[in-house]
Amino acid sequence: MIELNNVSKIYQIGDERVRALDHATMHIYPHEFVSIIGPSGSGKSTLMNIVGCLDTADDGLYKLDGIPIEDYSENELARIRNEKIGFVFQNFNLIAKMSAEENVELPLIYQGIKRAERQARVREALEHVGLSKRAKHQPTELSGGQQQRVAIARALVTKPSLILADEPTGNLDSHTTKDIMEIFHGLHEQGNTIVLITHDNDIARQAKRVIHILDGRLTEVSL
């Protein structure tokens, strides 16, 4: 599903050139649960942005489902981001003035899904994460764990084959972290491909494969 070969990404910060990814090579197959672990500044988020088609590499080859990413048009990439990939972020990225159900519904509006189907899919996604009774609540009325559940429901509602989670437990306590990880394990059992980025060894070891990133370089970790 995901194939990176010698992918590099360089940022110019003032007079300094920072190599966020340094000839990174990685293969992730359909239905895998893979964690990518590394310290702050190691290149984790840059890697996720490239895998998630939010950014492009400066060098190297990235294939998604066997097709080089540069062969996709901008419209096709937008469709992939909205339909094929579900994003879960550390800071939830919910819209404050919208209720939980409205936040979850938003990707379906972008897809042009009819209202009746949108409502059914939103209900299903919120039930999946145990938040049916909080559907009308705004993010400020929800705990951190509940906000992350809404973010996961939003990622699920488009029925993506790939879920990219960037530090999804980074702002949560240990009990809530356990609950959120149980949701990810359940999604994996249902056939989703999951790539989870973390700095936490205990979280990383819950995946079936662990890839370490440091200074933009990737190495496989033996469990």
N, C-alpha and C. Protein backbone atom coordinates (compact mmCIF):
# COMPACT_ATOMS: atom_id res chain seq x y z
N MET A 1 0.83 -1.20 0.00
CA MET A 1 0.00 0.00 0.00
C MET A 1 0.87 1.26 0.00
N ILE A 2 1.86 1.31 0.91
CA ILE A 2 2.75 2.47 1.04
C ILE A 2 4.17 2.03 0.73
N GLU A 3 4.80 2.70 -0.21
CA GLU A 3 6.17 2.36 -0.59
C GLU A 3 6.98 3.63 -0.74
N LEU A 4 7.94 3.82 0.17
CA LEU A 4 8.87 4.94 0.08
C LEU A 4 10.25 4.40 -0.25
N ASN A 5 10.87 4.99 -1.26
CA ASN A 5 12.23 4.59 -1.63
C ASN A 5 13.12 5.82 -1.69
N ASN A 6 14.08 5.89 -0.74
CA ASN A 6 15.07 6.98 -0.70
C ASN A 6 14.43 8.36 -0.73
N VAL A 7 13.41 8.53 0.09
CA VAL A 7 12.68 9.79 0.13
C VAL A 7 13.40 10.79 1.04
N SER A 8 13.62 11.99 0.54
CA SER A 8 14.25 13.05 1.32
C SER A 8 13.39 14.31 1.29
N LYS A 9 13.44 15.06 2.38
CA LYS A 9 12.74 16.34 2.47
C LYS A 9 13.64 17.31 3.20
N ILE A 10 13.90 18.45 2.59
CA ILE A 10 14.81 19.45 3.15
C ILE A 10 14.07 20.77 3.32
N TYR A 11 14.20 21.36 4.50
CA TYR A 11 13.62 22.68 4.76
C TYR A 11 14.73 23.71 4.91
N GLN A 12 14.51 24.87 4.36
CA GLN A 12 15.45 25.98 4.53
C GLN A 12 14.95 26.85 5.68
N ILE A 13 15.69 26.87 6.80
CA ILE A 13 15.33 27.68 7.96
C ILE A 13 16.44 28.70 8.17
N GLY A 14 16.16 29.93 7.73
CA GLY A 14 17.21 30.95 7.77
C GLY A 14 18.35 30.55 6.84
N ASP A 15 19.57 30.52 7.40
CA ASP A 15 20.73 30.12 6.60
C ASP A 15 20.97 28.60 6.65
N GLU A 16 20.15 27.90 7.42
CA GLU A 16 20.40 26.48 7.65
C GLU A 16 19.45 25.61 6.82
N ARG A 17 20.01 24.57 6.23
CA ARG A 17 19.21 23.56 5.53
C ARG A 17 19.00 22.38 6.47
N VAL A 18 17.75 22.08 6.79
CA VAL A 18 17.42 21.00 7.71
C VAL A 18 16.86 19.83 6.91
N ARG A 19 17.52 18.67 7.02
CA ARG A 19 17.07 17.48 6.31
C ARG A 19 16.10 16.71 7.21
N ALA A 20 14.81 16.96 7.02
CA ALA A 20 13.78 16.33 7.87
C ALA A 20 13.65 14.85 7.58
N LEU A 21 13.81 14.47 6.31
CA LEU A 21 13.87 13.06 5.92
C LEU A 21 15.13 12.85 5.10
N ASP A 22 15.83 11.76 5.39
CA ASP A 22 17.14 11.52 4.78
C ASP A 22 17.16 10.14 4.14
N HIS A 23 16.79 10.08 2.85
CA HIS A 23 16.78 8.83 2.09
C HIS A 23 15.97 7.74 2.84
N ALA A 24 14.77 8.13 3.24
CA ALA A 24 13.91 7.22 4.01
C ALA A 24 13.29 6.17 3.08
N THR A 25 13.39 4.91 3.51
CA THR A 25 12.81 3.80 2.76
C THR A 25 11.91 3.00 3.69
N MET A 26 10.68 2.73 3.23
CA MET A 26 9.70 2.06 4.09
C MET A 26 8.64 1.41 3.23
N HIS A 27 8.20 0.21 3.64
CA HIS A 27 7.11 -0.48 2.97
C HIS A 27 6.06 -0.86 4.01
N ILE A 28 4.82 -0.51 3.75
CA ILE A 28 3.71 -0.90 4.63
C ILE A 28 2.65 -1.56 3.76
N TYR A 29 2.24 -2.74 4.17
CA TYR A 29 1.32 -3.54 3.38
C TYR A 29 -0.11 -3.37 3.87
N PRO A 30 -1.10 -3.67 3.01
CA PRO A 30 -2.50 -3.54 3.43
C PRO A 30 -2.79 -4.33 4.70
N HIS A 31 -3.58 -3.75 5.58
CA HIS A 31 -4.07 -4.36 6.83
C HIS A 31 -3.00 -4.46 7.92
N GLU A 32 -1.85 -3.83 7.73
CA GLU A 32 -0.82 -3.82 8.78
C GLU A 32 -1.13 -2.77 9.84
N PHE A 33 -0.59 -2.99 11.04
CA PHE A 33 -0.60 -1.99 12.11
C PHE A 33 0.86 -1.69 12.41
N VAL A 34 1.33 -0.52 12.00
CA VAL A 34 2.73 -0.15 12.11
C VAL A 34 2.86 1.11 12.94
N SER A 35 3.80 1.11 13.87
CA SER A 35 4.10 2.33 14.61
C SER A 35 5.44 2.88 14.15
N ILE A 36 5.53 4.20 14.16
CA ILE A 36 6.77 4.89 13.83
C ILE A 36 7.15 5.71 15.05
N ILE A 37 8.29 5.39 15.65
CA ILE A 37 8.67 6.02 16.92
C ILE A 37 9.96 6.81 16.75
N GLY A 38 10.00 7.95 17.42
CA GLY A 38 11.21 8.76 17.40
C GLY A 38 11.02 9.97 18.29
N PRO A 39 12.10 10.61 18.69
CA PRO A 39 12.00 11.80 19.55
C PRO A 39 11.49 13.01 18.77
N SER A 40 11.22 14.08 19.49
CA SER A 40 10.81 15.34 18.87
C SER A 40 11.88 15.81 17.89
N GLY A 41 11.45 16.25 16.72
CA GLY A 41 12.39 16.75 15.72
C GLY A 41 13.05 15.68 14.88
N SER A 42 12.59 14.43 15.01
CA SER A 42 13.23 13.32 14.28
C SER A 42 12.75 13.19 12.85
N GLY A 43 11.63 13.87 12.52
CA GLY A 43 11.09 13.78 11.17
C GLY A 43 9.76 13.05 11.10
N LYS A 44 9.17 12.71 12.26
CA LYS A 44 7.94 11.92 12.28
C LYS A 44 6.79 12.62 11.55
N SER A 45 6.56 13.87 11.90
CA SER A 45 5.42 14.58 11.30
C SER A 45 5.64 14.84 9.81
N THR A 46 6.88 15.12 9.43
CA THR A 46 7.18 15.28 8.00
C THR A 46 6.87 14.00 7.25
N LEU A 47 7.23 12.87 7.84
CA LEU A 47 6.96 11.58 7.22
C LEU A 47 5.45 11.38 7.07
N MET A 48 4.68 11.70 8.12
CA MET A 48 3.23 11.53 8.03
C MET A 48 2.63 12.44 6.97
N ASN A 49 3.12 13.67 6.89
CA ASN A 49 2.59 14.60 5.91
C ASN A 49 2.82 14.12 4.48
N ILE A 50 3.96 13.48 4.26
CA ILE A 50 4.24 12.96 2.92
C ILE A 50 3.40 11.72 2.65
N VAL A 51 3.35 10.80 3.61
CA VAL A 51 2.53 9.59 3.43
C VAL A 51 1.06 9.96 3.24
N GLY A 52 0.60 11.00 3.95
CA GLY A 52 -0.78 11.42 3.87
C GLY A 52 -1.08 12.36 2.71
N CYS A 53 -0.12 12.56 1.83
CA CYS A 53 -0.28 13.41 0.64
C CYS A 53 -0.60 14.86 1.01
N LEU A 54 -0.13 15.29 2.19
CA LEU A 54 -0.26 16.69 2.59
C LEU A 54 0.95 17.50 2.16
N ASP A 55 2.05 16.80 1.84
CA ASP A 55 3.29 17.44 1.42
C ASP A 55 3.97 16.51 0.41
N THR A 56 4.95 17.03 -0.29
CA THR A 56 5.66 16.22 -1.28
C THR A 56 7.14 16.16 -0.93
N ALA A 57 7.77 15.07 -1.35
CA ALA A 57 9.19 14.88 -1.10
C ALA A 57 10.01 15.70 -2.09
N ASP A 58 11.25 16.02 -1.69
CA ASP A 58 12.17 16.70 -2.60
C ASP A 58 12.89 15.70 -3.50
N ASP A 59 13.17 14.53 -2.96
CA ASP A 59 13.84 13.47 -3.73
C ASP A 59 13.23 12.12 -3.35
N GLY A 60 13.48 11.14 -4.19
CA GLY A 60 13.00 9.79 -3.91
C GLY A 60 11.63 9.54 -4.51
N LEU A 61 11.12 8.34 -4.26
CA LEU A 61 9.86 7.89 -4.85
C LEU A 61 8.89 7.46 -3.77
N TYR A 62 7.67 7.97 -3.86
CA TYR A 62 6.59 7.53 -2.98
C TYR A 62 5.48 6.96 -3.84
N LYS A 63 5.18 5.67 -3.64
CA LYS A 63 4.07 5.03 -4.33
C LYS A 63 2.95 4.73 -3.33
N LEU A 64 1.74 5.08 -3.72
CA LEU A 64 0.56 4.74 -2.93
C LEU A 64 -0.29 3.81 -3.78
N ASP A 65 -0.52 2.61 -3.25
CA ASP A 65 -1.24 1.58 -4.02
C ASP A 65 -0.57 1.32 -5.36
N GLY A 66 0.75 1.34 -5.35
CA GLY A 66 1.51 0.98 -6.55
C GLY A 66 1.68 2.08 -7.57
N ILE A 67 1.11 3.27 -7.31
CA ILE A 67 1.17 4.37 -8.27
C ILE A 67 2.03 5.49 -7.70
N PRO A 68 3.05 5.96 -8.44
CA PRO A 68 3.86 7.09 -7.95
C PRO A 68 2.97 8.29 -7.66
N ILE A 69 3.21 8.93 -6.54
CA ILE A 69 2.32 10.01 -6.11
C ILE A 69 2.32 11.17 -7.11
N GLU A 70 3.43 11.35 -7.83
CA GLU A 70 3.47 12.47 -8.78
C GLU A 70 2.58 12.22 -10.00
N ASP A 71 2.12 10.97 -10.17
CA ASP A 71 1.22 10.66 -11.29
C ASP A 71 -0.23 11.07 -11.00
N TYR A 72 -0.52 11.38 -9.73
CA TYR A 72 -1.88 11.81 -9.38
C TYR A 72 -2.03 13.30 -9.65
N SER A 73 -3.21 13.70 -10.11
CA SER A 73 -3.51 15.13 -10.25
C SER A 73 -3.85 15.71 -8.88
N GLU A 74 -3.91 17.03 -8.78
CA GLU A 74 -4.28 17.67 -7.51
C GLU A 74 -5.68 17.24 -7.07
N ASN A 75 -6.59 17.13 -8.02
CA ASN A 75 -7.95 16.69 -7.68
C ASN A 75 -7.96 15.26 -7.17
N GLU A 76 -7.14 14.41 -7.77
CA GLU A 76 -7.06 13.01 -7.33
C GLU A 76 -6.45 12.93 -5.94
N LEU A 77 -5.43 13.75 -5.67
CA LEU A 77 -4.83 13.76 -4.33
C LEU A 77 -5.83 14.25 -3.28
N ALA A 78 -6.62 15.25 -3.63
CA ALA A 78 -7.65 15.73 -2.70
C ALA A 78 -8.66 14.63 -2.42
N ARG A 79 -9.03 13.88 -3.44
CA ARG A 79 -9.98 12.78 -3.26
C ARG A 79 -9.37 11.69 -2.37
N ILE A 80 -8.10 11.38 -2.58
CA ILE A 80 -7.42 10.37 -1.76
C ILE A 80 -7.40 10.80 -0.30
N ARG A 81 -7.06 12.07 -0.05
CA ARG A 81 -7.02 12.56 1.34
C ARG A 81 -8.39 12.51 1.99
N ASN A 82 -9.43 12.71 1.22
CA ASN A 82 -10.77 12.78 1.79
C ASN A 82 -11.46 11.43 1.88
N GLU A 83 -11.08 10.48 1.02
CA GLU A 83 -11.79 9.21 0.97
C GLU A 83 -10.95 8.02 1.43
N LYS A 84 -9.67 8.03 1.10
CA LYS A 84 -8.84 6.85 1.35
C LYS A 84 -8.11 6.91 2.68
N ILE A 85 -7.82 8.15 3.15
CA ILE A 85 -6.99 8.31 4.35
C ILE A 85 -7.79 8.99 5.45
N GLY A 86 -7.73 8.42 6.64
CA GLY A 86 -8.32 9.06 7.81
C GLY A 86 -7.21 9.58 8.70
N PHE A 87 -7.25 10.88 9.02
CA PHE A 87 -6.20 11.51 9.82
C PHE A 87 -6.67 11.69 11.26
N VAL A 88 -5.79 11.36 12.22
CA VAL A 88 -6.04 11.62 13.64
C VAL A 88 -4.81 12.35 14.17
N PHE A 89 -5.04 13.54 14.77
CA PHE A 89 -3.93 14.38 15.21
C PHE A 89 -3.90 14.48 16.74
N GLN A 90 -2.71 14.82 17.26
CA GLN A 90 -2.53 14.97 18.69
C GLN A 90 -3.45 16.04 19.28
N ASN A 91 -3.64 17.14 18.54
CA ASN A 91 -4.43 18.26 19.05
C ASN A 91 -5.88 18.23 18.57
N PHE A 92 -6.29 17.09 18.07
CA PHE A 92 -7.69 16.81 17.70
C PHE A 92 -8.14 17.55 16.44
N ASN A 93 -7.78 18.83 16.30
CA ASN A 93 -8.14 19.64 15.13
C ASN A 93 -9.65 19.67 14.88
N LEU A 94 -10.41 19.79 15.96
CA LEU A 94 -11.86 19.93 15.84
C LEU A 94 -12.22 21.41 15.68
N ILE A 95 -13.34 21.68 15.03
CA ILE A 95 -13.82 23.05 14.87
C ILE A 95 -14.66 23.41 16.09
N ALA A 96 -14.22 24.42 16.82
CA ALA A 96 -14.76 24.71 18.16
C ALA A 96 -16.25 25.03 18.15
N LYS A 97 -16.74 25.70 17.11
CA LYS A 97 -18.13 26.14 17.09
C LYS A 97 -19.09 25.08 16.55
N MET A 98 -18.53 23.91 16.20
CA MET A 98 -19.37 22.82 15.69
C MET A 98 -19.54 21.75 16.76
N SER A 99 -20.68 21.10 16.75
CA SER A 99 -20.91 19.98 17.67
C SER A 99 -20.08 18.78 17.23
N ALA A 100 -20.06 17.76 18.07
CA ALA A 100 -19.33 16.53 17.73
C ALA A 100 -19.84 15.97 16.41
N GLU A 101 -21.15 15.86 16.27
CA GLU A 101 -21.69 15.26 15.04
C GLU A 101 -21.41 16.12 13.82
N GLU A 102 -21.39 17.44 13.98
CA GLU A 102 -21.09 18.31 12.85
C GLU A 102 -19.63 18.19 12.44
N ASN A 103 -18.72 18.04 13.41
CA ASN A 103 -17.32 17.82 13.09
C ASN A 103 -17.13 16.52 12.33
N VAL A 104 -17.82 15.48 12.76
CA VAL A 104 -17.69 14.18 12.11
C VAL A 104 -18.29 14.21 10.71
N GLU A 105 -19.35 15.00 10.54
CA GLU A 105 -20.06 15.06 9.27
C GLU A 105 -19.27 15.79 8.18
N LEU A 106 -18.38 16.68 8.57
CA LEU A 106 -17.73 17.59 7.63
C LEU A 106 -17.08 16.89 6.43
N PRO A 107 -16.29 15.82 6.61
CA PRO A 107 -15.68 15.17 5.44
C PRO A 107 -16.72 14.65 4.45
N LEU A 108 -17.88 14.23 4.96
CA LEU A 108 -18.92 13.71 4.08
C LEU A 108 -19.57 14.82 3.26
N ILE A 109 -19.64 16.02 3.85
CA ILE A 109 -20.16 17.17 3.09
C ILE A 109 -19.22 17.47 1.93
N TYR A 110 -17.90 17.42 2.21
CA TYR A 110 -16.92 17.64 1.14
C TYR A 110 -17.06 16.60 0.03
N GLN A 111 -17.47 15.40 0.39
CA GLN A 111 -17.65 14.33 -0.59
C GLN A 111 -18.95 14.46 -1.37
N GLY A 112 -19.85 15.32 -0.91
CA GLY A 112 -21.13 15.46 -1.58
C GLY A 112 -22.12 14.36 -1.27
N ILE A 113 -21.93 13.70 -0.11
CA ILE A 113 -22.85 12.64 0.31
C ILE A 113 -24.19 13.25 0.70
N LYS A 114 -25.27 12.58 0.31
CA LYS A 114 -26.61 13.10 0.63
C LYS A 114 -26.85 13.07 2.14
N ARG A 115 -27.73 13.99 2.57
CA ARG A 115 -27.94 14.24 4.00
C ARG A 115 -28.33 12.98 4.78
N ALA A 116 -29.26 12.20 4.26
CA ALA A 116 -29.73 11.03 4.99
C ALA A 116 -28.59 10.04 5.23
N GLU A 117 -27.77 9.82 4.20
CA GLU A 117 -26.64 8.90 4.36
C GLU A 117 -25.60 9.50 5.31
N ARG A 118 -25.38 10.81 5.20
CA ARG A 118 -24.43 11.47 6.12
C ARG A 118 -24.84 11.23 7.57
N GLN A 119 -26.10 11.44 7.87
CA GLN A 119 -26.59 11.31 9.24
C GLN A 119 -26.42 9.88 9.74
N ALA A 120 -26.71 8.90 8.89
CA ALA A 120 -26.57 7.49 9.28
C ALA A 120 -25.11 7.15 9.55
N ARG A 121 -24.21 7.63 8.71
CA ARG A 121 -22.80 7.31 8.87
C ARG A 121 -22.20 8.02 10.08
N VAL A 122 -22.66 9.25 10.35
CA VAL A 122 -22.20 9.97 11.54
C VAL A 122 -22.64 9.24 12.80
N ARG A 123 -23.88 8.80 12.84
CA ARG A 123 -24.37 8.03 14.01
C ARG A 123 -23.53 6.77 14.22
N GLU A 124 -23.27 6.07 13.13
CA GLU A 124 -22.49 4.83 13.21
C GLU A 124 -21.08 5.09 13.73
N ALA A 125 -20.45 6.17 13.22
CA ALA A 125 -19.08 6.48 13.63
C ALA A 125 -19.02 6.87 15.10
N LEU A 126 -19.97 7.67 15.57
CA LEU A 126 -19.98 8.08 16.97
C LEU A 126 -20.31 6.89 17.89
N GLU A 127 -21.17 6.01 17.44
CA GLU A 127 -21.44 4.78 18.22
C GLU A 127 -20.18 3.95 18.33
N HIS A 128 -19.42 3.90 17.24
CA HIS A 128 -18.20 3.09 17.22
C HIS A 128 -17.21 3.52 18.30
N VAL A 129 -17.17 4.82 18.58
CA VAL A 129 -16.21 5.32 19.58
C VAL A 129 -16.90 5.61 20.91
N GLY A 130 -18.15 5.18 21.05
CA GLY A 130 -18.86 5.30 22.33
C GLY A 130 -19.28 6.70 22.71
N LEU A 131 -19.63 7.52 21.71
CA LEU A 131 -19.97 8.92 22.00
C LEU A 131 -21.36 9.32 21.48
N SER A 132 -22.24 8.36 21.31
CA SER A 132 -23.58 8.68 20.78
C SER A 132 -24.28 9.73 21.64
N LYS A 133 -24.10 9.64 22.94
CA LYS A 133 -24.82 10.54 23.84
C LYS A 133 -24.21 11.93 23.90
N ARG A 134 -23.06 12.11 23.27
CA ARG A 134 -22.39 13.41 23.27
C ARG A 134 -22.41 14.08 21.90
N ALA A 135 -23.26 13.59 21.01
CA ALA A 135 -23.26 14.04 19.62
C ALA A 135 -23.50 15.54 19.49
N LYS A 136 -24.33 16.11 20.38
CA LYS A 136 -24.69 17.53 20.28
C LYS A 136 -23.72 18.46 21.01
N HIS A 137 -22.74 17.88 21.71
CA HIS A 137 -21.82 18.69 22.49
C HIS A 137 -20.72 19.29 21.62
N GLN A 138 -20.32 20.51 21.95
CA GLN A 138 -19.19 21.14 21.28
C GLN A 138 -17.88 20.68 21.94
N PRO A 139 -16.75 20.82 21.24
CA PRO A 139 -15.47 20.35 21.79
C PRO A 139 -15.16 20.88 23.19
N THR A 140 -15.52 22.14 23.47
CA THR A 140 -15.21 22.70 24.79
C THR A 140 -16.01 22.03 25.91
N GLU A 141 -17.05 21.30 25.55
CA GLU A 141 -17.87 20.59 26.53
C GLU A 141 -17.44 19.14 26.69
N LEU A 142 -16.37 18.77 26.04
CA LEU A 142 -15.88 17.40 26.06
C LEU A 142 -14.49 17.33 26.69
N SER A 143 -14.19 16.20 27.31
CA SER A 143 -12.84 15.97 27.85
C SER A 143 -11.87 15.74 26.69
N GLY A 144 -10.56 15.73 27.01
CA GLY A 144 -9.57 15.47 25.99
C GLY A 144 -9.77 14.12 25.31
N GLY A 145 -10.06 13.11 26.12
CA GLY A 145 -10.29 11.77 25.56
C GLY A 145 -11.51 11.73 24.66
N GLN A 146 -12.57 12.44 25.07
CA GLN A 146 -13.77 12.49 24.24
C GLN A 146 -13.52 13.24 22.94
N GLN A 147 -12.74 14.31 23.01
CA GLN A 147 -12.40 15.04 21.78
C GLN A 147 -11.61 14.15 20.83
N GLN A 148 -10.71 13.33 21.38
CA GLN A 148 -9.95 12.44 20.50
C GLN A 148 -10.86 11.37 19.90
N ARG A 149 -11.87 10.93 20.65
CA ARG A 149 -12.83 9.97 20.10
C ARG A 149 -13.61 10.60 18.94
N VAL A 150 -13.96 11.87 19.09
CA VAL A 150 -14.64 12.57 17.99
C VAL A 150 -13.71 12.62 16.78
N ALA A 151 -12.44 12.92 17.01
CA ALA A 151 -11.47 13.00 15.91
C ALA A 151 -11.33 11.64 15.22
N ILE A 152 -11.35 10.57 16.01
CA ILE A 152 -11.27 9.23 15.41
C ILE A 152 -12.54 8.94 14.61
N ALA A 153 -13.71 9.31 15.17
CA ALA A 153 -14.97 9.11 14.44
C ALA A 153 -14.95 9.87 13.12
N ARG A 154 -14.42 11.09 13.13
CA ARG A 154 -14.31 11.88 11.90
C ARG A 154 -13.40 11.17 10.89
N ALA A 155 -12.33 10.56 11.38
CA ALA A 155 -11.43 9.83 10.49
C ALA A 155 -12.10 8.58 9.91
N LEU A 156 -12.99 7.97 10.70
CA LEU A 156 -13.63 6.72 10.28
C LEU A 156 -14.80 6.91 9.34
N VAL A 157 -15.44 8.08 9.42
CA VAL A 157 -16.75 8.24 8.78
C VAL A 157 -16.69 8.10 7.26
N THR A 158 -15.53 8.34 6.66
CA THR A 158 -15.39 8.20 5.22
C THR A 158 -15.04 6.77 4.82
N LYS A 159 -14.94 5.89 5.82
CA LYS A 159 -14.58 4.48 5.61
C LYS A 159 -13.25 4.34 4.87
N PRO A 160 -12.19 4.97 5.42
CA PRO A 160 -10.88 4.93 4.74
C PRO A 160 -10.22 3.57 4.92
N SER A 161 -9.33 3.24 3.99
CA SER A 161 -8.57 2.00 4.13
C SER A 161 -7.30 2.24 4.95
N LEU A 162 -6.85 3.50 5.05
CA LEU A 162 -5.61 3.85 5.75
C LEU A 162 -5.91 4.90 6.82
N ILE A 163 -5.47 4.63 8.05
CA ILE A 163 -5.60 5.60 9.13
C ILE A 163 -4.21 6.04 9.56
N LEU A 164 -3.95 7.35 9.50
CA LEU A 164 -2.68 7.93 9.94
C LEU A 164 -2.93 8.67 11.25
N ALA A 165 -2.28 8.25 12.30
CA ALA A 165 -2.47 8.85 13.62
C ALA A 165 -1.15 9.44 14.10
N ASP A 166 -1.14 10.75 14.27
CA ASP A 166 0.08 11.46 14.68
C ASP A 166 -0.01 11.80 16.16
N GLU A 167 0.71 11.05 16.99
CA GLU A 167 0.71 11.24 18.46
C GLU A 167 -0.74 11.30 19.01
N PRO A 168 -1.57 10.32 18.69
CA PRO A 168 -2.98 10.41 19.08
C PRO A 168 -3.22 10.34 20.58
N THR A 169 -2.23 9.87 21.34
CA THR A 169 -2.38 9.78 22.80
C THR A 169 -1.47 10.77 23.53
N GLY A 170 -0.83 11.67 22.77
CA GLY A 170 0.18 12.55 23.34
C GLY A 170 -0.33 13.48 24.43
N ASN A 171 -1.63 13.87 24.34
CA ASN A 171 -2.18 14.81 25.32
C ASN A 171 -3.12 14.15 26.32
N LEU A 172 -3.06 12.81 26.42
CA LEU A 172 -4.06 12.09 27.21
C LEU A 172 -3.42 11.39 28.41
N ASP A 173 -4.22 11.19 29.46
CA ASP A 173 -3.72 10.45 30.62
C ASP A 173 -3.68 8.96 30.31
N SER A 174 -3.10 8.19 31.23
CA SER A 174 -2.85 6.77 30.95
C SER A 174 -4.14 5.98 30.76
N HIS A 175 -5.17 6.29 31.55
CA HIS A 175 -6.43 5.55 31.42
C HIS A 175 -7.09 5.83 30.07
N THR A 176 -7.12 7.10 29.68
CA THR A 176 -7.73 7.48 28.40
C THR A 176 -6.90 6.93 27.25
N THR A 177 -5.58 6.94 27.40
CA THR A 177 -4.70 6.37 26.39
C THR A 177 -5.05 4.91 26.12
N LYS A 178 -5.27 4.15 27.19
CA LYS A 178 -5.64 2.74 27.05
C LYS A 178 -6.93 2.59 26.25
N ASP A 179 -7.92 3.44 26.54
CA ASP A 179 -9.19 3.38 25.82
C ASP A 179 -9.02 3.69 24.33
N ILE A 180 -8.21 4.72 24.05
CA ILE A 180 -8.00 5.12 22.66
C ILE A 180 -7.26 4.02 21.90
N MET A 181 -6.27 3.41 22.53
CA MET A 181 -5.52 2.34 21.86
C MET A 181 -6.41 1.12 21.61
N GLU A 182 -7.36 0.87 22.49
CA GLU A 182 -8.31 -0.23 22.25
C GLU A 182 -9.13 0.02 20.99
N ILE A 183 -9.48 1.28 20.75
CA ILE A 183 -10.21 1.62 19.53
C ILE A 183 -9.34 1.32 18.30
N PHE A 184 -8.06 1.71 18.36
CA PHE A 184 -7.17 1.45 17.22
C PHE A 184 -7.00 -0.05 16.99
N HIS A 185 -6.87 -0.82 18.07
CA HIS A 185 -6.75 -2.27 17.91
C HIS A 185 -8.01 -2.85 17.25
N GLY A 186 -9.16 -2.34 17.65
CA GLY A 186 -10.41 -2.79 17.05
C GLY A 186 -10.48 -2.46 15.57
N LEU A 187 -10.03 -1.27 15.20
CA LEU A 187 -10.02 -0.87 13.80
C LEU A 187 -9.09 -1.76 12.98
N HIS A 188 -7.96 -2.10 13.57
CA HIS A 188 -7.02 -2.98 12.88
C HIS A 188 -7.63 -4.36 12.67
N GLU A 189 -8.31 -4.87 13.68
CA GLU A 189 -8.96 -6.18 13.56
C GLU A 189 -10.03 -6.19 12.48
N GLN A 190 -10.61 -5.02 12.22
CA GLN A 190 -11.63 -4.91 11.18
C GLN A 190 -11.03 -4.74 9.78
N GLY A 191 -9.70 -4.69 9.69
CA GLY A 191 -9.06 -4.66 8.39
C GLY A 191 -8.42 -3.36 7.97
N ASN A 192 -8.50 -2.34 8.82
CA ASN A 192 -7.86 -1.07 8.48
C ASN A 192 -6.35 -1.18 8.55
N THR A 193 -5.66 -0.49 7.65
CA THR A 193 -4.22 -0.28 7.76
C THR A 193 -4.01 0.92 8.68
N ILE A 194 -3.17 0.75 9.70
CA ILE A 194 -2.95 1.82 10.66
C ILE A 194 -1.46 2.15 10.75
N VAL A 195 -1.15 3.43 10.60
CA VAL A 195 0.21 3.93 10.83
C VAL A 195 0.12 4.91 11.98
N LEU A 196 0.75 4.56 13.10
CA LEU A 196 0.65 5.36 14.31
C LEU A 196 2.02 5.94 14.66
N ILE A 197 2.10 7.25 14.72
CA ILE A 197 3.35 7.94 15.02
C ILE A 197 3.36 8.33 16.49
N THR A 198 4.46 8.02 17.18
CA THR A 198 4.51 8.25 18.62
C THR A 198 5.95 8.45 19.08
N HIS A 199 6.10 9.01 20.27
CA HIS A 199 7.42 9.07 20.91
C HIS A 199 7.47 8.11 22.10
N ASP A 200 6.36 7.38 22.34
CA ASP A 200 6.18 6.55 23.53
C ASP A 200 6.44 5.08 23.20
N ASN A 201 7.45 4.50 23.83
CA ASN A 201 7.81 3.10 23.56
C ASN A 201 6.66 2.14 23.86
N ASP A 202 5.94 2.38 24.96
CA ASP A 202 4.85 1.48 25.33
C ASP A 202 3.75 1.49 24.27
N ILE A 203 3.46 2.66 23.72
CA ILE A 203 2.47 2.77 22.64
C ILE A 203 2.99 2.09 21.38
N ALA A 204 4.24 2.37 21.03
CA ALA A 204 4.82 1.82 19.80
C ALA A 204 4.80 0.30 19.80
N ARG A 205 5.08 -0.30 20.96
CA ARG A 205 5.18 -1.76 21.02
C ARG A 205 3.83 -2.45 20.87
N GLN A 206 2.74 -1.71 20.90
CA GLN A 206 1.43 -2.32 20.71
C GLN A 206 1.13 -2.61 19.24
N ALA A 207 1.93 -2.06 18.35
CA ALA A 207 1.76 -2.32 16.92
C ALA A 207 2.42 -3.66 16.57
N LYS A 208 2.09 -4.15 15.39
CA LYS A 208 2.67 -5.42 14.91
C LYS A 208 4.09 -5.23 14.40
N ARG A 209 4.38 -4.04 13.91
CA ARG A 209 5.73 -3.69 13.47
C ARG A 209 6.08 -2.33 14.01
N VAL A 210 7.36 -2.12 14.31
CA VAL A 210 7.83 -0.83 14.82
C VAL A 210 8.98 -0.35 13.93
N ILE A 211 8.87 0.90 13.47
CA ILE A 211 9.92 1.52 12.68
C ILE A 211 10.44 2.72 13.47
N HIS A 212 11.75 2.80 13.63
CA HIS A 212 12.37 3.89 14.38
C HIS A 212 12.83 4.97 13.41
N ILE A 213 12.60 6.22 13.78
CA ILE A 213 13.07 7.34 12.98
C ILE A 213 13.95 8.24 13.84
N LEU A 214 15.11 8.60 13.30
CA LEU A 214 16.04 9.50 13.98
C LEU A 214 16.79 10.28 12.90
N ASP A 215 16.77 11.59 13.04
CA ASP A 215 17.43 12.47 12.06
C ASP A 215 16.98 12.15 10.63
N GLY A 216 15.70 11.82 10.50
CA GLY A 216 15.13 11.59 9.18
C GLY A 216 15.44 10.25 8.57
N ARG A 217 16.09 9.36 9.31
CA ARG A 217 16.43 8.03 8.80
C ARG A 217 15.57 6.97 9.47
N LEU A 218 15.16 5.98 8.71
CA LEU A 218 14.26 4.94 9.21
C LEU A 218 14.99 3.61 9.37
N THR A 219 14.72 2.93 10.48
CA THR A 219 15.23 1.58 10.70
C THR A 219 14.15 0.73 11.35
N GLU A 220 14.06 -0.53 10.91
CA GLU A 220 13.08 -1.46 11.47
C GLU A 220 13.53 -1.90 12.86
N VAL A 221 12.60 -2.03 13.79
CA VAL A 221 12.91 -2.46 15.16
C VAL A 221 12.37 -3.88 15.36
N SER A 222 13.19 -4.75 15.93
CA SER A 222 12.75 -6.11 16.22
C SER A 222 11.99 -6.12 17.55
N LEU A 223 10.80 -6.71 17.54
CA LEU A 223 10.00 -6.80 18.76
C LEU A 223 10.34 -8.07 19.53
